[in-house]
C-alpha atoms as a PDB file:
ATOM      1  CA  MET A   1     -12.677 -26.986  21.893  1.00  0.00           C
ATOM      2  CA  LYS A   2     -13.313 -25.801  18.465  1.00  0.00           C
ATOM      3  CA  GLN A   3     -10.667 -23.273  17.217  1.00  0.00           C
ATOM      4  CA  ASN A   4     -11.064 -20.489  14.807  1.00  0.00           C
ATOM      5  CA  ILE A   5      -9.362 -21.779  11.645  1.00  0.00           C
ATOM      6  CA  TYR A   6      -9.067 -18.200  10.239  1.00  0.00           C
ATOM      7  CA  LEU A   7      -7.213 -17.063  13.301  1.00  0.00           C
ATOM      8  CA  ASP A   8      -4.858 -20.078  13.196  1.00  0.00           C
ATOM      9  CA  PHE A   9      -4.187 -19.723   9.535  1.00  0.00           C
ATOM     10  CA  SER A  10      -3.547 -16.034   9.816  1.00  0.00           C
ATOM     11  CA  TYR A  11      -1.137 -16.613  12.782  1.00  0.00           C
ATOM     12  CA  LEU A  12       0.859 -19.182  10.734  1.00  0.00           C
ATOM     13  CA  VAL A  13       0.928 -16.922   7.676  1.00  0.00           C
ATOM     14  CA  ILE A  14       2.273 -14.167   9.838  1.00  0.00           C
ATOM     15  CA  LEU A  15       4.974 -16.355  11.318  1.00  0.00           C
ATOM     16  CA  ALA A  16       5.962 -17.822   7.975  1.00  0.00           C
ATOM     17  CA  ALA A  17       6.107 -14.431   6.225  1.00  0.00           C
ATOM     18  CA  SER A  18       8.172 -13.060   9.071  1.00  0.00           C
ATOM     19  CA  PHE A  19      10.669 -15.983   8.806  1.00  0.00           C
ATOM     20  CA  GLY A  20      10.903 -15.452   5.084  1.00  0.00           C
ATOM     21  CA  ALA A  21      11.469 -11.783   5.494  1.00  0.00           C
ATOM     22  CA  VAL A  22      14.237 -12.440   8.031  1.00  0.00           C
ATOM     23  CA  VAL A  23      15.987 -14.972   5.721  1.00  0.00           C
ATOM     24  CA  VAL A  24      15.636 -12.700   2.676  1.00  0.00           C
ATOM     25  CA  LEU A  25      16.985  -9.681   4.508  1.00  0.00           C
ATOM     26  CA  GLY A  26      19.830 -11.460   6.169  1.00  0.00           C
ATOM     27  CA  ALA A  27      20.833 -13.874   3.507  1.00  0.00           C
ATOM     28  CA  PHE A  28      20.107 -11.999   0.280  1.00  0.00           C
ATOM     29  CA  VAL A  29      19.639  -8.187   0.710  1.00  0.00           C
ATOM     30  CA  ALA A  30      22.518  -7.465   3.053  1.00  0.00           C
ATOM     31  CA  PRO A  31      25.221  -9.455   1.078  1.00  0.00           C
ATOM     32  CA  VAL A  32      24.168  -7.687  -2.203  1.00  0.00           C
ATOM     33  CA  ILE A  33      24.157  -4.357  -0.672  1.00  0.00           C
ATOM     34  CA  PHE A  34      27.512  -4.690   1.074  1.00  0.00           C
ATOM     35  CA  HIS A  35      29.232  -6.199  -1.893  1.00  0.00           C
ATOM     36  CA  THR A  36      28.359  -3.957  -4.686  1.00  0.00           C
ATOM     37  CA  ASP A  37      32.031  -4.150  -5.901  1.00  0.00           C
ATOM     38  CA  ARG A  38      31.183  -7.583  -7.201  1.00  0.00           C
ATOM     39  CA  ILE A  39      28.002  -6.418  -9.058  1.00  0.00           C
ATOM     40  CA  LEU A  40      28.664  -2.849 -10.275  1.00  0.00           C
ATOM     41  CA  VAL A  41      31.593  -1.793 -12.262  1.00  0.00           C
ATOM     42  CA  ASP A  42      31.333   1.879 -12.793  1.00  0.00           C
ATOM     43  CA  MET A  43      29.552   2.943  -9.489  1.00  0.00           C
ATOM     44  CA  LEU A  44      30.612   1.546  -6.110  1.00  0.00           C
ATOM     45  CA  ILE A  45      28.957   2.023  -2.767  1.00  0.00           C
ATOM     46  CA  ASP A  46      31.266   2.450   0.104  1.00  0.00           C
ATOM     47  CA  SER A  47      30.643   0.607   3.397  1.00  0.00           C
ATOM     48  CA  TYR A  48      29.194   3.592   5.164  1.00  0.00           C
ATOM     49  CA  ASN A  49      26.612   4.311   2.459  1.00  0.00           C
ATOM     50  CA  ALA A  50      25.759   0.684   2.190  1.00  0.00           C
ATOM     51  CA  GLY A  51      25.191   0.689   5.903  1.00  0.00           C
ATOM     52  CA  ILE A  52      22.913   3.688   5.535  1.00  0.00           C
ATOM     53  CA  ILE A  53      20.846   1.831   2.879  1.00  0.00           C
ATOM     54  CA  MET A  54      20.585  -1.303   5.128  1.00  0.00           C
ATOM     55  CA  GLY A  55      19.793   0.863   8.152  1.00  0.00           C
ATOM     56  CA  GLU A  56      16.753   2.282   6.436  1.00  0.00           C
ATOM     57  CA  ILE A  57      15.669  -1.181   5.147  1.00  0.00           C
ATOM     58  CA  PHE A  58      15.855  -2.467   8.720  1.00  0.00           C
ATOM     59  CA  HIS A  59      14.107   0.678  10.093  1.00  0.00           C
ATOM     60  CA  ARG A  60      11.140   0.033   7.766  1.00  0.00           C
ATOM     61  CA  PHE A  61      11.178  -3.739   8.553  1.00  0.00           C
ATOM     62  CA  SER A  62      10.924  -2.718  12.275  1.00  0.00           C
ATOM     63  CA  TYR A  63       7.301  -1.754  11.749  1.00  0.00           C
ATOM     64  CA  TRP A  64       6.545  -5.233  10.656  1.00  0.00           C
ATOM     65  CA  VAL A  65       8.547  -6.662  13.550  1.00  0.00           C
ATOM     66  CA  TYR A  66       6.500  -4.560  16.035  1.00  0.00           C
ATOM     67  CA  PHE A  67       3.302  -5.918  14.349  1.00  0.00           C
ATOM     68  CA  LEU A  68       4.806  -9.547  14.615  1.00  0.00           C
ATOM     69  CA  ALA A  69       5.473  -9.106  18.383  1.00  0.00           C
ATOM     70  CA  PHE A  70       1.949  -7.718  19.001  1.00  0.00           C
ATOM     71  CA  GLY A  71       0.443 -10.575  16.896  1.00  0.00           C
ATOM     72  CA  VAL A  72       2.384 -13.291  18.757  1.00  0.00           C
ATOM     73  CA  VAL A  73       1.386 -11.844  22.116  1.00  0.00           C
ATOM     74  CA  ALA A  74      -2.292 -11.582  21.218  1.00  0.00           C
ATOM     75  CA  TYR A  75      -2.539 -15.050  19.806  1.00  0.00           C
ATOM     76  CA  GLU A  76      -0.650 -16.758  22.461  1.00  0.00           C
ATOM     77  CA  ILE A  77      -2.748 -15.126  25.155  1.00  0.00           C
ATOM     78  CA  ILE A  78      -6.010 -16.197  23.343  1.00  0.00           C
ATOM     79  CA  ILE A  79      -4.570 -19.809  23.053  1.00  0.00           C
ATOM     80  CA  TYR A  80      -3.480 -19.822  26.755  1.00  0.00           C
ATOM     81  CA  LYS A  81      -6.922 -18.621  27.929  1.00  0.00           C
ATOM     82  CA  MET A  82      -8.489 -21.497  25.865  1.00  0.00           C
ATOM     83  CA  GLY A  83      -6.465 -23.908  27.887  1.00  0.00           C
ATOM     84  CA  GLN A  84      -4.123 -24.974  25.199  1.00  0.00           C
ATOM     85  CA  ARG A  85      -0.783 -24.677  26.803  1.00  0.00           C
ATOM     86  CA  ASP A  86       2.536 -25.992  25.345  1.00  0.00           C
ATOM     87  CA  ALA A  87       5.968 -25.345  26.830  1.00  0.00           C
ATOM     88  CA  VAL A  88       7.765 -25.388  23.477  1.00  0.00           C
ATOM     89  CA  ALA A  89       5.384 -22.968  21.931  1.00  0.00           C
ATOM     90  CA  PHE A  90       5.421 -20.716  24.885  1.00  0.00           C
ATOM     91  CA  ALA A  91       9.202 -20.685  25.065  1.00  0.00           C
ATOM     92  CA  SER A  92       9.673 -19.936  21.339  1.00  0.00           C
ATOM     93  CA  ALA A  93       6.905 -17.293  21.492  1.00  0.00           C
ATOM     94  CA  VAL A  94       8.626 -15.534  24.377  1.00  0.00           C
ATOM     95  CA  THR A  95      11.905 -15.652  22.406  1.00  0.00           C
ATOM     96  CA  VAL A  96      10.293 -14.277  19.269  1.00  0.00           C
ATOM     97  CA  VAL A  97       8.792 -11.399  21.205  1.00  0.00           C
ATOM     98  CA  PHE A  98      11.989 -10.676  23.119  1.00  0.00           C
ATOM     99  CA  SER A  99      14.247 -10.886  20.085  1.00  0.00           C
ATOM    100  CA  SER A 100      11.702  -8.837  17.922  1.00  0.00           C
ATOM    101  CA  LEU A 101      11.618  -6.007  20.552  1.00  0.00           C
ATOM    102  CA  MET A 102      15.391  -6.109  20.952  1.00  0.00           C
ATOM    103  CA  PHE A 103      15.878  -5.761  17.259  1.00  0.00           C
ATOM    104  CA  SER A 104      13.304  -3.046  16.670  1.00  0.00           C
ATOM    105  CA  ALA A 105      13.498  -1.109  19.829  1.00  0.00           C
ATOM    106  CA  VAL A 106      17.223  -1.368  20.801  1.00  0.00           C
ATOM    107  CA  TYR A 107      19.621  -2.410  18.072  1.00  0.00           C
ATOM    108  CA  THR A 108      18.052  -0.640  15.023  1.00  0.00           C
ATOM    109  CA  PRO A 109      17.677   2.705  16.751  1.00  0.00           C
ATOM    110  CA  LYS A 110      21.156   2.522  18.104  1.00  0.00           C
ATOM    111  CA  ILE A 111      22.764   1.624  14.947  1.00  0.00           C
ATOM    112  CA  LEU A 112      20.883   4.488  13.085  1.00  0.00           C
ATOM    113  CA  ALA A 113      21.849   6.972  15.807  1.00  0.00           C
ATOM    114  CA  MET A 114      25.587   6.068  15.439  1.00  0.00           C
ATOM    115  CA  GLN A 115      25.204   6.324  11.683  1.00  0.00           C
ATOM    116  CA  ALA A 116      23.860   9.785  12.059  1.00  0.00           C
ATOM    117  CA  LEU A 117      27.013  10.809  13.801  1.00  0.00           C
ATOM    118  CA  GLY A 118      29.074  10.054  10.786  1.00  0.00           C
ATOM    119  CA  ALA A 119      31.382   7.370   9.199  1.00  0.00           C
ATOM    120  CA  GLU A 120      33.952   7.637  11.978  1.00  0.00           C
ATOM    121  CA  ALA A 121      31.368   6.552  14.542  1.00  0.00           C
ATOM    122  CA  THR A 122      30.542   3.425  12.580  1.00  0.00           C
ATOM    123  CA  GLN A 123      34.218   2.335  12.715  1.00  0.00           C
ATOM    124  CA  SER A 124      34.278   2.206  16.492  1.00  0.00           C
ATOM    125  CA  ASP A 125      34.344  -0.958  18.622  1.00  0.00           C
ATOM    126  CA  THR A 126      31.042   0.053  20.210  1.00  0.00           C
ATOM    127  CA  PHE A 127      29.391   0.106  16.692  1.00  0.00           C
ATOM    128  CA  ASP A 128      30.936  -3.233  15.873  1.00  0.00           C
ATOM    129  CA  ASN A 129      29.721  -4.879  19.131  1.00  0.00           C
ATOM    130  CA  ILE A 130      26.162  -3.489  18.636  1.00  0.00           C
ATOM    131  CA  HIS A 131      26.259  -4.709  15.003  1.00  0.00           C
ATOM    132  CA  ILE A 132      27.340  -8.271  15.986  1.00  0.00           C
ATOM    133  CA  ALA A 133      24.731  -8.318  18.722  1.00  0.00           C
ATOM    134  CA  SER A 134      22.100  -7.419  16.240  1.00  0.00           C
ATOM    135  CA  GLU A 135      23.103 -10.046  13.863  1.00  0.00           C
ATOM    136  CA  MET A 136      22.971 -12.629  16.602  1.00  0.00           C
ATOM    137  CA  ASP A 137      19.514 -11.376  17.595  1.00  0.00           C
ATOM    138  CA  PHE A 138      18.306 -11.646  13.926  1.00  0.00           C
ATOM    139  CA  LYS A 139      19.552 -15.157  13.853  1.00  0.00           C
ATOM    140  CA  ILE A 140      17.780 -16.090  17.175  1.00  0.00           C
ATOM    141  CA  LEU A 141      14.649 -14.416  15.890  1.00  0.00           C
ATOM    142  CA  ALA A 142      14.926 -16.640  12.717  1.00  0.00           C
ATOM    143  CA  VAL A 143      15.253 -19.824  14.614  1.00  0.00           C
ATOM    144  CA  SER A 144      12.647 -19.047  17.134  1.00  0.00           C
ATOM    145  CA  LEU A 145      10.062 -18.185  14.429  1.00  0.00           C
ATOM    146  CA  LEU A 146      10.841 -21.552  12.711  1.00  0.00           C
ATOM    147  CA  VAL A 147      10.468 -23.447  15.969  1.00  0.00           C
ATOM    148  CA  LEU A 148       7.181 -21.459  16.894  1.00  0.00           C
ATOM    149  CA  PHE A 149       5.630 -22.043  13.326  1.00  0.00           C
ATOM    150  CA  THR A 150       6.583 -25.765  13.315  1.00  0.00           C
ATOM    151  CA  ARG A 151       5.319 -26.309  16.756  1.00  0.00           C
ATOM    152  CA  ARG A 152       1.995 -24.467  16.241  1.00  0.00           C
ATOM    153  CA  LEU A 153       1.522 -26.420  12.972  1.00  0.00           C
ATOM    154  CA  MET A 154       2.077 -29.735  14.857  1.00  0.00           C
ATOM    155  CA  LEU A 155      -0.306 -28.741  17.563  1.00  0.00           C
ATOM    156  CA  LEU A 156      -3.043 -27.761  15.121  1.00  0.00           C
ATOM    157  CA  ARG A 157      -2.729 -31.077  13.394  1.00  0.00           C
ATOM    158  CA  ARG A 158      -3.434 -32.824  16.587  1.00  0.00           C
ATOM    159  CA  ALA A 159      -6.615 -30.834  17.267  1.00  0.00           C
END
């Protein structure tokens, strides 16, 4: 079967851009914002306010993550209906969608709601547990995006 090269290319670009965004936010943006004491001399941002900034960044990133989840579902349904089934691609696509929705629909809103209660709410064990779970989910999202991108690229090469 002949595939639409523009659809495949667009899908791979979305996966790669999403992986890049996850890496940049997790490895570059968050450490810089939370360690302003190493960068700024006269003006320091306390942990609570740094969290507010990161919360807003992740809130805005959630819109892209919703788009990503929708795009993965749409593309994988199209490919499935074309008869091109692959267990690795399916498993990683399900993981991408699940971790995307967990991040955007569960963790980010809960963290923002706790931040709205004030600095004392962000120092609780509940907040710490939600934050740790969201970090783990973000790492799972990164790995599953990388696996899905690599597998889809390999499958396109065979076609």
